[in-house]
PDB file of N, CA and C in Angstrom:
ATOM      1  N   MET A   1     125.615-124.800 -76.673  1.00  0.00           N
ATOM      2  CA  MET A   1     126.576-125.068 -75.410  1.00  0.00           C
ATOM      3  C   MET A   1     127.972-124.444 -75.838  1.00  0.00           C
ATOM      4  N   VAL A   2     128.315-123.401 -75.094  1.00  0.00           N
ATOM      5  CA  VAL A   2     129.586-122.733 -75.280  1.00  0.00           C
ATOM      6  C   VAL A   2     130.657-123.407 -74.313  1.00  0.00           C
ATOM      7  N   GLN A   3     131.876-123.514 -74.664  1.00  0.00           N
ATOM      8  CA  GLN A   3     132.955-124.096 -73.916  1.00  0.00           C
ATOM      9  C   GLN A   3     134.187-123.158 -74.012  1.00  0.00           C
ATOM     10  N   ILE A   4     134.999-123.228 -72.998  1.00  0.00           N
ATOM     11  CA  ILE A   4     136.271-122.526 -72.990  1.00  0.00           C
ATOM     12  C   ILE A   4     137.252-123.437 -73.765  1.00  0.00           C
ATOM     13  N   VAL A   5     137.866-122.914 -74.843  1.00  0.00           N
ATOM     14  CA  VAL A   5     138.869-123.664 -75.589  1.00  0.00           C
ATOM     15  C   VAL A   5     140.286-123.228 -75.205  1.00  0.00           C
ATOM     16  N   ASP A   6     140.429-122.013 -74.697  1.00  0.00           N
ATOM     17  CA  ASP A   6     141.783-121.638 -74.232  1.00  0.00           C
ATOM     18  C   ASP A   6     141.690-120.403 -73.429  1.00  0.00           C
ATOM     19  N   VAL A   7     142.652-120.311 -72.525  1.00  0.00           N
ATOM     20  CA  VAL A   7     142.780-119.084 -71.624  1.00  0.00           C
ATOM     21  C   VAL A   7     144.315-118.673 -71.768  1.00  0.00           C
ATOM     22  N   LYS A   8     144.408-117.394 -72.192  1.00  0.00           N
ATOM     23  CA  LYS A   8     145.739-116.733 -72.404  1.00  0.00           C
ATOM     24  C   LYS A   8     145.854-115.382 -71.706  1.00  0.00           C
ATOM     25  N   LYS A   9     147.086-114.938 -71.667  1.00  0.00           N
ATOM     26  CA  LYS A   9     147.351-113.622 -71.099  1.00  0.00           C
ATOM     27  C   LYS A   9     146.507-112.584 -72.028  1.00  0.00           C
ATOM     28  N   SER A  10     145.845-111.709 -71.375  1.00  0.00           N
ATOM     29  CA  SER A  10     145.092-110.624 -72.071  1.00  0.00           C
ATOM     30  C   SER A  10     146.038-109.689 -72.698  1.00  0.00           C
ATOM     31  N   ASP A  11     145.632-109.181 -73.834  1.00  0.00           N
ATOM     32  CA  ASP A  11     146.374-108.039 -74.568  1.00  0.00           C
ATOM     33  C   ASP A  11     145.619-106.728 -74.352  1.00  0.00           C
ATOM     34  N   ARG A  12     144.591-106.855 -73.493  1.00  0.00           N
ATOM     35  CA  ARG A  12     143.841-105.609 -73.204  1.00  0.00           C
ATOM     36  C   ARG A  12     144.400-104.882 -71.882  1.00  0.00           C
ATOM     37  N   LYS A  13     144.727-103.659 -71.994  1.00  0.00           N
ATOM     38  CA  LYS A  13     145.264-102.889 -70.867  1.00  0.00           C
ATOM     39  C   LYS A  13     144.428-103.072 -69.637  1.00  0.00           C
ATOM     40  N   GLY A  14     145.140-103.491 -68.488  1.00  0.00           N
ATOM     41  CA  GLY A  14     144.423-103.534 -67.234  1.00  0.00           C
ATOM     42  C   GLY A  14     143.786-104.838 -66.964  1.00  0.00           C
ATOM     43  N   LYS A  15     143.757-105.793 -67.982  1.00  0.00           N
ATOM     44  CA  LYS A  15     143.171-107.179 -67.772  1.00  0.00           C
ATOM     45  C   LYS A  15     144.268-108.159 -67.723  1.00  0.00           C
ATOM     46  N   LYS A  16     144.039-109.195 -66.853  1.00  0.00           N
ATOM     47  CA  LYS A  16     144.878-110.259 -66.605  1.00  0.00           C
ATOM     48  C   LYS A  16     144.877-111.377 -67.688  1.00  0.00           C
ATOM     49  N   LEU A  17     143.804-111.905 -67.983  1.00  0.00           N
ATOM     50  CA  LEU A  17     143.591-113.068 -68.916  1.00  0.00           C
ATOM     51  C   LEU A  17     142.475-112.808 -69.858  1.00  0.00           C
ATOM     52  N   LYS A  18     142.469-113.655 -70.918  1.00  0.00           N
ATOM     53  CA  LYS A  18     141.282-113.713 -71.761  1.00  0.00           C
ATOM     54  C   LYS A  18     140.930-115.198 -72.005  1.00  0.00           C
ATOM     55  N   ALA A  19     139.608-115.401 -72.011  1.00  0.00           N
ATOM     56  CA  ALA A  19     139.048-116.768 -72.326  1.00  0.00           C
ATOM     57  C   ALA A  19     138.562-116.749 -73.680  1.00  0.00           C
ATOM     58  N   ILE A  20     139.048-117.676 -74.471  1.00  0.00           N
ATOM     59  CA  ILE A  20     138.538-117.877 -75.888  1.00  0.00           C
ATOM     60  C   ILE A  20     137.490-118.993 -75.872  1.00  0.00           C
ATOM     61  N   LEU A  21     136.368-118.680 -76.381  1.00  0.00           N
ATOM     62  CA  LEU A  21     135.207-119.657 -76.309  1.00  0.00           C
ATOM     63  C   LEU A  21     135.015-120.346 -77.640  1.00  0.00           C
ATOM     64  N   SER A  22     134.389-121.463 -77.541  1.00  0.00           N
ATOM     65  CA  SER A  22     134.035-122.234 -78.755  1.00  0.00           C
ATOM     66  C   SER A  22     133.248-121.534 -79.822  1.00  0.00           C
ATOM     67  N   ASP A  23     132.543-120.517 -79.448  1.00  0.00           N
ATOM     68  CA  ASP A  23     131.868-119.825 -80.510  1.00  0.00           C
ATOM     69  C   ASP A  23     132.582-118.520 -81.062  1.00  0.00           C
ATOM     70  N   GLY A  24     133.848-118.477 -80.623  1.00  0.00           N
ATOM     71  CA  GLY A  24     134.720-117.376 -81.071  1.00  0.00           C
ATOM     72  C   GLY A  24     134.679-116.050 -80.216  1.00  0.00           C
ATOM     73  N   VAL A  25     133.869-116.137 -79.200  1.00  0.00           N
ATOM     74  CA  VAL A  25     133.774-114.938 -78.385  1.00  0.00           C
ATOM     75  C   VAL A  25     135.070-114.933 -77.400  1.00  0.00           C
ATOM     76  N   VAL A  26     135.636-113.775 -77.105  1.00  0.00           N
ATOM     77  CA  VAL A  26     136.795-113.583 -76.302  1.00  0.00           C
ATOM     78  C   VAL A  26     136.405-112.759 -75.195  1.00  0.00           C
ATOM     79  N   VAL A  27     136.604-113.182 -73.909  1.00  0.00           N
ATOM     80  CA  VAL A  27     136.218-112.510 -72.700  1.00  0.00           C
ATOM     81  C   VAL A  27     137.452-112.153 -71.975  1.00  0.00           C
ATOM     82  N   HIS A  28     137.727-110.838 -71.807  1.00  0.00           N
ATOM     83  CA  HIS A  28     138.923-110.401 -70.951  1.00  0.00           C
ATOM     84  C   HIS A  28     138.427-110.212 -69.516  1.00  0.00           C
ATOM     85  N   PHE A  29     139.237-110.728 -68.519  1.00  0.00           N
ATOM     86  CA  PHE A  29     138.784-110.719 -67.167  1.00  0.00           C
ATOM     87  C   PHE A  29     139.989-110.627 -66.275  1.00  0.00           C
ATOM     88  N   GLY A  30     139.708-110.277 -64.923  1.00  0.00           N
ATOM     89  CA  GLY A  30     140.776-110.225 -64.017  1.00  0.00           C
ATOM     90  C   GLY A  30     141.538-108.883 -64.072  1.00  0.00           C
ATOM     91  N   LEU A  31     141.972-108.371 -62.933  1.00  0.00           N
ATOM     92  CA  LEU A  31     142.735-107.131 -62.888  1.00  0.00           C
ATOM     93  C   LEU A  31     144.176-107.424 -62.913  1.00  0.00           C
ATOM     94  N   ASP A  32     144.754-106.934 -63.975  1.00  0.00           N
ATOM     95  CA  ASP A  32     146.285-107.120 -64.257  1.00  0.00           C
ATOM     96  C   ASP A  32     146.983-106.599 -63.058  1.00  0.00           C
ATOM     97  N   GLY A  33     147.966-107.290 -62.546  1.00  0.00           N
ATOM     98  CA  GLY A  33     148.707-106.783 -61.434  1.00  0.00           C
ATOM     99  C   GLY A  33     148.247-107.261 -60.017  1.00  0.00           C
ATOM    100  N   SER A  34     147.080-107.804 -59.994  1.00  0.00           N
ATOM    101  CA  SER A  34     146.629-108.314 -58.821  1.00  0.00           C
ATOM    102  C   SER A  34     147.018-109.830 -58.641  1.00  0.00           C
ATOM    103  N   GLN A  35     147.077-110.276 -57.403  1.00  0.00           N
ATOM    104  CA  GLN A  35     147.324-111.727 -57.170  1.00  0.00           C
ATOM    105  C   GLN A  35     146.040-112.481 -56.834  1.00  0.00           C
ATOM    106  N   THR A  36     145.788-113.481 -57.619  1.00  0.00           N
ATOM    107  CA  THR A  36     144.500-114.213 -57.380  1.00  0.00           C
ATOM    108  C   THR A  36     144.733-115.532 -56.701  1.00  0.00           C
ATOM    109  N   TYR A  37     143.695-116.319 -56.323  1.00  0.00           N
ATOM    110  CA  TYR A  37     143.762-117.481 -55.683  1.00  0.00           C
ATOM    111  C   TYR A  37     144.622-118.521 -56.454  1.00  0.00           C
ATOM    112  N   THR A  38     144.565-118.465 -57.768  1.00  0.00           N
ATOM    113  CA  THR A  38     145.280-119.477 -58.653  1.00  0.00           C
ATOM    114  C   THR A  38     146.771-119.105 -58.644  1.00  0.00           C
ATOM    115  N   GLU A  39     147.080-117.845 -58.217  1.00  0.00           N
ATOM    116  CA  GLU A  39     148.545-117.439 -58.111  1.00  0.00           C
ATOM    117  C   GLU A  39     149.009-117.395 -56.736  1.00  0.00           C
ATOM    118  N   GLY A  40     148.320-117.966 -55.851  1.00  0.00           N
ATOM    119  CA  GLY A  40     148.953-118.066 -54.493  1.00  0.00           C
ATOM    120  C   GLY A  40     148.289-117.124 -53.462  1.00  0.00           C
ATOM    121  N   ALA A  41     147.177-116.410 -53.791  1.00  0.00           N
ATOM    122  CA  ALA A  41     146.669-115.543 -52.742  1.00  0.00           C
ATOM    123  C   ALA A  41     146.054-116.407 -51.609  1.00  0.00           C
ATOM    124  N   SER A  42     145.958-115.813 -50.516  1.00  0.00           N
ATOM    125  CA  SER A  42     145.501-116.528 -49.286  1.00  0.00           C
ATOM    126  C   SER A  42     144.073-116.845 -49.339  1.00  0.00           C
ATOM    127  N   LYS A  43     143.646-117.724 -48.509  1.00  0.00           N
ATOM    128  CA  LYS A  43     142.260-118.142 -48.252  1.00  0.00           C
ATOM    129  C   LYS A  43     141.431-116.832 -47.918  1.00  0.00           C
ATOM    130  N   GLU A  44     142.111-116.095 -46.968  1.00  0.00           N
ATOM    131  CA  GLU A  44     141.413-114.937 -46.464  1.00  0.00           C
ATOM    132  C   GLU A  44     141.125-113.891 -47.608  1.00  0.00           C
ATOM    133  N   LYS A  45     142.178-113.732 -48.581  1.00  0.00           N
ATOM    134  CA  LYS A  45     141.970-112.765 -49.595  1.00  0.00           C
ATOM    135  C   LYS A  45     140.863-113.377 -50.580  1.00  0.00           C
ATOM    136  N   ARG A  46     140.887-114.645 -50.761  1.00  0.00           N
ATOM    137  CA  ARG A  46     139.767-115.361 -51.584  1.00  0.00           C
ATOM    138  C   ARG A  46     138.489-115.056 -51.057  1.00  0.00           C
ATOM    139  N   ASP A  47     138.314-115.226 -49.639  1.00  0.00           N
ATOM    140  CA  ASP A  47     137.030-115.066 -49.013  1.00  0.00           C
ATOM    141  C   ASP A  47     136.632-113.575 -49.118  1.00  0.00           C
ATOM    142  N   ALA A  48     137.533-112.660 -49.001  1.00  0.00           N
ATOM    143  CA  ALA A  48     137.155-111.241 -49.123  1.00  0.00           C
ATOM    144  C   ALA A  48     136.789-110.888 -50.582  1.00  0.00           C
ATOM    145  N   TYR A  49     137.374-111.509 -51.592  1.00  0.00           N
ATOM    146  CA  TYR A  49     137.038-111.274 -52.937  1.00  0.00           C
ATOM    147  C   TYR A  49     135.628-111.814 -53.225  1.00  0.00           C
ATOM    148  N   LEU A  50     135.382-113.044 -52.775  1.00  0.00           N
ATOM    149  CA  LEU A  50     134.027-113.583 -52.926  1.00  0.00           C
ATOM    150  C   LEU A  50     132.968-112.857 -52.281  1.00  0.00           C
ATOM    151  N   LYS A  51     133.279-112.360 -51.043  1.00  0.00           N
ATOM    152  CA  LYS A  51     132.102-111.632 -50.298  1.00  0.00           C
ATOM    153  C   LYS A  51     131.952-110.326 -51.009  1.00  0.00           C
ATOM    154  N   ARG A  52     133.011-109.673 -51.513  1.00  0.00           N
ATOM    155  CA  ARG A  52     132.820-108.372 -52.151  1.00  0.00           C
ATOM    156  C   ARG A  52     132.052-108.436 -53.466  1.00  0.00           C
ATOM    157  N   HIS A  53     132.317-109.452 -54.286  1.00  0.00           N
ATOM    158  CA  HIS A  53     131.773-109.578 -55.592  1.00  0.00           C
ATOM    159  C   HIS A  53     130.355-110.225 -55.541  1.00  0.00           C
ATOM    160  N   LEU A  54     130.143-111.123 -54.579  1.00  0.00           N
ATOM    161  CA  LEU A  54     128.792-111.686 -54.378  1.00  0.00           C
ATOM    162  C   LEU A  54     127.906-110.713 -53.752  1.00  0.00           C
ATOM    163  N   GLY A  55     128.419-109.704 -53.064  1.00  0.00           N
ATOM    164  CA  GLY A  55     127.637-108.636 -52.459  1.00  0.00           C
ATOM    165  C   GLY A  55     127.103-107.659 -53.483  1.00  0.00           C
ATOM    166  N   ASN A  56     127.612-107.736 -54.714  1.00  0.00           N
ATOM    167  CA  ASN A  56     127.048-106.821 -55.803  1.00  0.00           C
ATOM    168  C   ASN A  56     126.002-107.623 -56.558  1.00  0.00           C
ATOM    169  N   LYS A  57     124.764-107.087 -56.501  1.00  0.00           N
ATOM    170  CA  LYS A  57     123.675-107.777 -57.043  1.00  0.00           C
ATOM    171  C   LYS A  57     123.777-108.196 -58.447  1.00  0.00           C
ATOM    172  N   THR A  58     124.373-107.253 -59.235  1.00  0.00           N
ATOM    173  CA  THR A  58     124.498-107.527 -60.701  1.00  0.00           C
ATOM    174  C   THR A  58     125.602-108.723 -60.931  1.00  0.00           C
ATOM    175  N   GLU A  59     126.693-108.583 -60.271  1.00  0.00           N
ATOM    176  CA  GLU A  59     127.668-109.687 -60.426  1.00  0.00           C
ATOM    177  C   GLU A  59     127.183-111.036 -59.871  1.00  0.00           C
ATOM    178  N   LYS A  60     126.472-110.991 -58.807  1.00  0.00           N
ATOM    179  CA  LYS A  60     125.944-112.174 -58.215  1.00  0.00           C
ATOM    180  C   LYS A  60     124.995-112.885 -59.153  1.00  0.00           C
ATOM    181  N   SER A  61     124.153-112.066 -59.863  1.00  0.00           N
ATOM    182  CA  SER A  61     123.236-112.594 -60.871  1.00  0.00           C
ATOM    183  C   SER A  61     123.988-113.205 -62.017  1.00  0.00           C
ATOM    184  N   LEU A  62     124.883-112.566 -62.469  1.00  0.00           N
ATOM    185  CA  LEU A  62     125.738-113.093 -63.630  1.00  0.00           C
ATOM    186  C   LEU A  62     126.431-114.394 -63.258  1.00  0.00           C
ATOM    187  N   ILE A  63     126.996-114.505 -62.044  1.00  0.00           N
ATOM    188  CA  ILE A  63     127.626-115.689 -61.570  1.00  0.00           C
ATOM    189  C   ILE A  63     126.624-116.786 -61.429  1.00  0.00           C
ATOM    190  N   GLU A  64     125.574-116.577 -60.632  1.00  0.00           N
ATOM    191  CA  GLU A  64     124.631-117.585 -60.293  1.00  0.00           C
ATOM    192  C   GLU A  64     123.839-118.146 -61.522  1.00  0.00           C
ATOM    193  N   ASN A  65     123.610-117.306 -62.491  1.00  0.00           N
ATOM    194  CA  ASN A  65     122.903-117.688 -63.650  1.00  0.00           C
ATOM    195  C   ASN A  65     123.894-118.153 -64.819  1.00  0.00           C
ATOM    196  N   LYS A  66     125.234-118.179 -64.571  1.00  0.00           N
ATOM    197  CA  LYS A  66     126.169-118.735 -65.548  1.00  0.00           C
ATOM    198  C   LYS A  66     126.091-117.908 -66.798  1.00  0.00           C
ATOM    199  N   ILE A  67     125.960-116.565 -66.694  1.00  0.00           N
ATOM    200  CA  ILE A  67     125.896-115.764 -67.878  1.00  0.00           C
ATOM    201  C   ILE A  67     127.412-115.367 -68.210  1.00  0.00           C
ATOM    202  N   ILE A  68     127.689-115.673 -69.516  1.00  0.00           N
ATOM    203  CA  ILE A  68     129.018-115.366 -69.979  1.00  0.00           C
ATOM    204  C   ILE A  68     129.384-113.865 -69.707  1.00  0.00           C
ATOM    205  N   SER A  69     130.389-113.605 -68.910  1.00  0.00           N
ATOM    206  CA  SER A  69     130.821-112.264 -68.499  1.00  0.00           C
ATOM    207  C   SER A  69     132.255-112.352 -67.830  1.00  0.00           C
ATOM    208  N   PRO A  70     132.896-111.196 -67.672  1.00  0.00           N
ATOM    209  CA  PRO A  70     134.072-111.202 -66.917  1.00  0.00           C
ATOM    210  C   PRO A  70     133.936-111.597 -65.508  1.00  0.00           C
ATOM    211  N   SER A  71     132.824-111.237 -64.873  1.00  0.00           N
ATOM    212  CA  SER A  71     132.516-111.586 -63.516  1.00  0.00           C
ATOM    213  C   SER A  71     132.483-113.122 -63.354  1.00  0.00           C
ATOM    214  N   LEU A  72     131.806-113.833 -64.307  1.00  0.00           N
ATOM    215  CA  LEU A  72     131.718-115.247 -64.233  1.00  0.00           C
ATOM    216  C   LEU A  72     133.134-115.921 -64.366  1.00  0.00           C
ATOM    217  N   PHE A  73     133.914-115.433 -65.335  1.00  0.00           N
ATOM    218  CA  PHE A  73     135.263-115.990 -65.485  1.00  0.00           C
ATOM    219  C   PHE A  73     136.179-115.765 -64.321  1.00  0.00           C
ATOM    220  N   ALA A  74     136.131-114.517 -63.863  1.00  0.00           N
ATOM    221  CA  ALA A  74     136.995-114.248 -62.745  1.00  0.00           C
ATOM    222  C   ALA A  74     136.585-115.128 -61.526  1.00  0.00           C
ATOM    223  N   TYR A  75     135.340-115.182 -61.168  1.00  0.00           N
ATOM    224  CA  TYR A  75     134.870-115.999 -60.118  1.00  0.00           C
ATOM    225  C   TYR A  75     135.264-117.431 -60.212  1.00  0.00           C
ATOM    226  N   TYR A  76     134.984-118.028 -61.320  1.00  0.00           N
ATOM    227  CA  TYR A  76     135.273-119.446 -61.467  1.00  0.00           C
ATOM    228  C   TYR A  76     136.706-119.865 -61.854  1.00  0.00           C
ATOM    229  N   LEU A  77     137.344-119.030 -62.672  1.00  0.00           N
ATOM    230  CA  LEU A  77     138.758-119.329 -63.048  1.00  0.00           C
ATOM    231  C   LEU A  77     139.764-118.851 -62.205  1.00  0.00           C
ATOM    232  N   LEU A  78     139.695-117.713 -61.581  1.00  0.00           N
ATOM    233  CA  LEU A  78     140.727-117.082 -60.746  1.00  0.00           C
ATOM    234  C   LEU A  78     140.525-117.348 -59.268  1.00  0.00           C
ATOM    235  N   TRP A  79     139.347-117.521 -58.807  1.00  0.00           N
ATOM    236  CA  TRP A  79     139.027-117.615 -57.284  1.00  0.00           C
ATOM    237  C   TRP A  79     138.312-118.889 -56.861  1.00  0.00           C
ATOM    238  N   ASN A  80     138.182-119.918 -57.709  1.00  0.00           N
ATOM    239  CA  ASN A  80     137.437-121.101 -57.335  1.00  0.00           C
ATOM    240  C   ASN A  80     138.397-122.104 -56.483  1.00  0.00           C
ATOM    241  N   THR A  81     139.406-122.618 -57.185  1.00  0.00           N
ATOM    242  CA  THR A  81     140.352-123.442 -56.566  1.00  0.00           C
ATOM    243  C   THR A  81     141.786-122.911 -56.891  1.00  0.00           C
ATOM    244  N   PRO A  82     142.814-123.445 -56.295  1.00  0.00           N
ATOM    245  CA  PRO A  82     144.131-122.883 -56.757  1.00  0.00           C
ATOM    246  C   PRO A  82     144.569-123.406 -58.120  1.00  0.00           C
ATOM    247  N   SER A  83     143.864-124.207 -58.798  1.00  0.00           N
ATOM    248  CA  SER A  83     144.323-124.756 -60.083  1.00  0.00           C
ATOM    249  C   SER A  83     143.432-124.178 -61.220  1.00  0.00           C
ATOM    250  N   LEU A  84     144.144-123.398 -62.040  1.00  0.00           N
ATOM    251  CA  LEU A  84     143.482-122.806 -63.185  1.00  0.00           C
ATOM    252  C   LEU A  84     142.828-123.948 -64.141  1.00  0.00           C
ATOM    253  N   GLU A  85     143.666-124.938 -64.356  1.00  0.00           N
ATOM    254  CA  GLU A  85     143.198-126.120 -65.201  1.00  0.00           C
ATOM    255  C   GLU A  85     141.969-126.707 -64.661  1.00  0.00           C
ATOM    256  N   LYS A  86     141.934-127.022 -63.377  1.00  0.00           N
ATOM    257  CA  LYS A  86     140.774-127.602 -62.676  1.00  0.00           C
ATOM    258  C   LYS A  86     139.549-126.637 -62.860  1.00  0.00           C
ATOM    259  N   ASN A  87     139.793-125.376 -62.616  1.00  0.00           N
ATOM    260  CA  ASN A  87     138.737-124.419 -62.670  1.00  0.00           C
ATOM    261  C   ASN A  87     138.086-124.305 -64.083  1.00  0.00           C
ATOM    262  N   ILE A  88     138.984-124.437 -65.152  1.00  0.00           N
ATOM    263  CA  ILE A  88     138.429-124.459 -66.508  1.00  0.00           C
ATOM    264  C   ILE A  88     137.528-125.614 -66.632  1.00  0.00           C
ATOM    265  N   SER A  89     137.994-126.775 -66.278  1.00  0.00           N
ATOM    266  CA  SER A  89     137.209-128.014 -66.368  1.00  0.00           C
ATOM    267  C   SER A  89     135.922-127.904 -65.631  1.00  0.00           C
ATOM    268  N   ILE A  90     135.869-127.304 -64.412  1.00  0.00           N
ATOM    269  CA  ILE A  90     134.739-127.135 -63.616  1.00  0.00           C
ATOM    270  C   ILE A  90     133.669-126.271 -64.402  1.00  0.00           C
ATOM    271  N   LEU A  91     134.173-125.111 -64.865  1.00  0.00           N
ATOM    272  CA  LEU A  91     133.297-124.143 -65.467  1.00  0.00           C
ATOM    273  C   LEU A  91     132.789-124.733 -66.861  1.00  0.00           C
ATOM    274  N   ASN A  92     133.665-125.469 -67.580  1.00  0.00           N
ATOM    275  CA  ASN A  92     133.084-126.115 -68.786  1.00  0.00           C
ATOM    276  C   ASN A  92     131.987-127.076 -68.475  1.00  0.00           C
ATOM    277  N   ARG A  93     132.042-127.820 -67.384  1.00  0.00           N
ATOM    278  CA  ARG A  93     130.923-128.700 -67.013  1.00  0.00           C
ATOM    279  C   ARG A  93     129.723-127.957 -66.693  1.00  0.00           C
ATOM    280  N   LEU A  94     129.855-126.822 -66.042  1.00  0.00           N
ATOM    281  CA  LEU A  94     128.684-126.065 -65.587  1.00  0.00           C
ATOM    282  C   LEU A  94     128.092-125.380 -66.802  1.00  0.00           C
ATOM    283  N   LEU A  95     128.786-125.100 -67.802  1.00  0.00           N
ATOM    284  CA  LEU A  95     128.231-124.446 -68.977  1.00  0.00           C
ATOM    285  C   LEU A  95     127.550-125.380 -70.011  1.00  0.00           C
ATOM    286  N   ARG A  96     127.680-126.648 -69.777  1.00  0.00           N
ATOM    287  CA  ARG A  96     126.997-127.608 -70.672  1.00  0.00           C
ATOM    288  C   ARG A  96     125.488-127.540 -70.609  1.00  0.00           C
TER     289      ARG A  96
END
């Protein structure tokens, strides 16, 4: 059972954040410079993001099967609810 232990600004060019997992894995995710739902993006922008990314068969599979990936973290941490802290808690529960 892997859990998110911290989320910090990414040091990777072009990425917004990095999730540090309990097993030591670091996953960089989110497009640097873009506004996400946790940063005040509108419900319409959120809906467009979800439709676009769930329309991609590969990303949809990663998200639905809770496979550790940038897609999973962007979907749950940046676009789920307006609260990053709440989203971390939700995803940690789902990863148990």
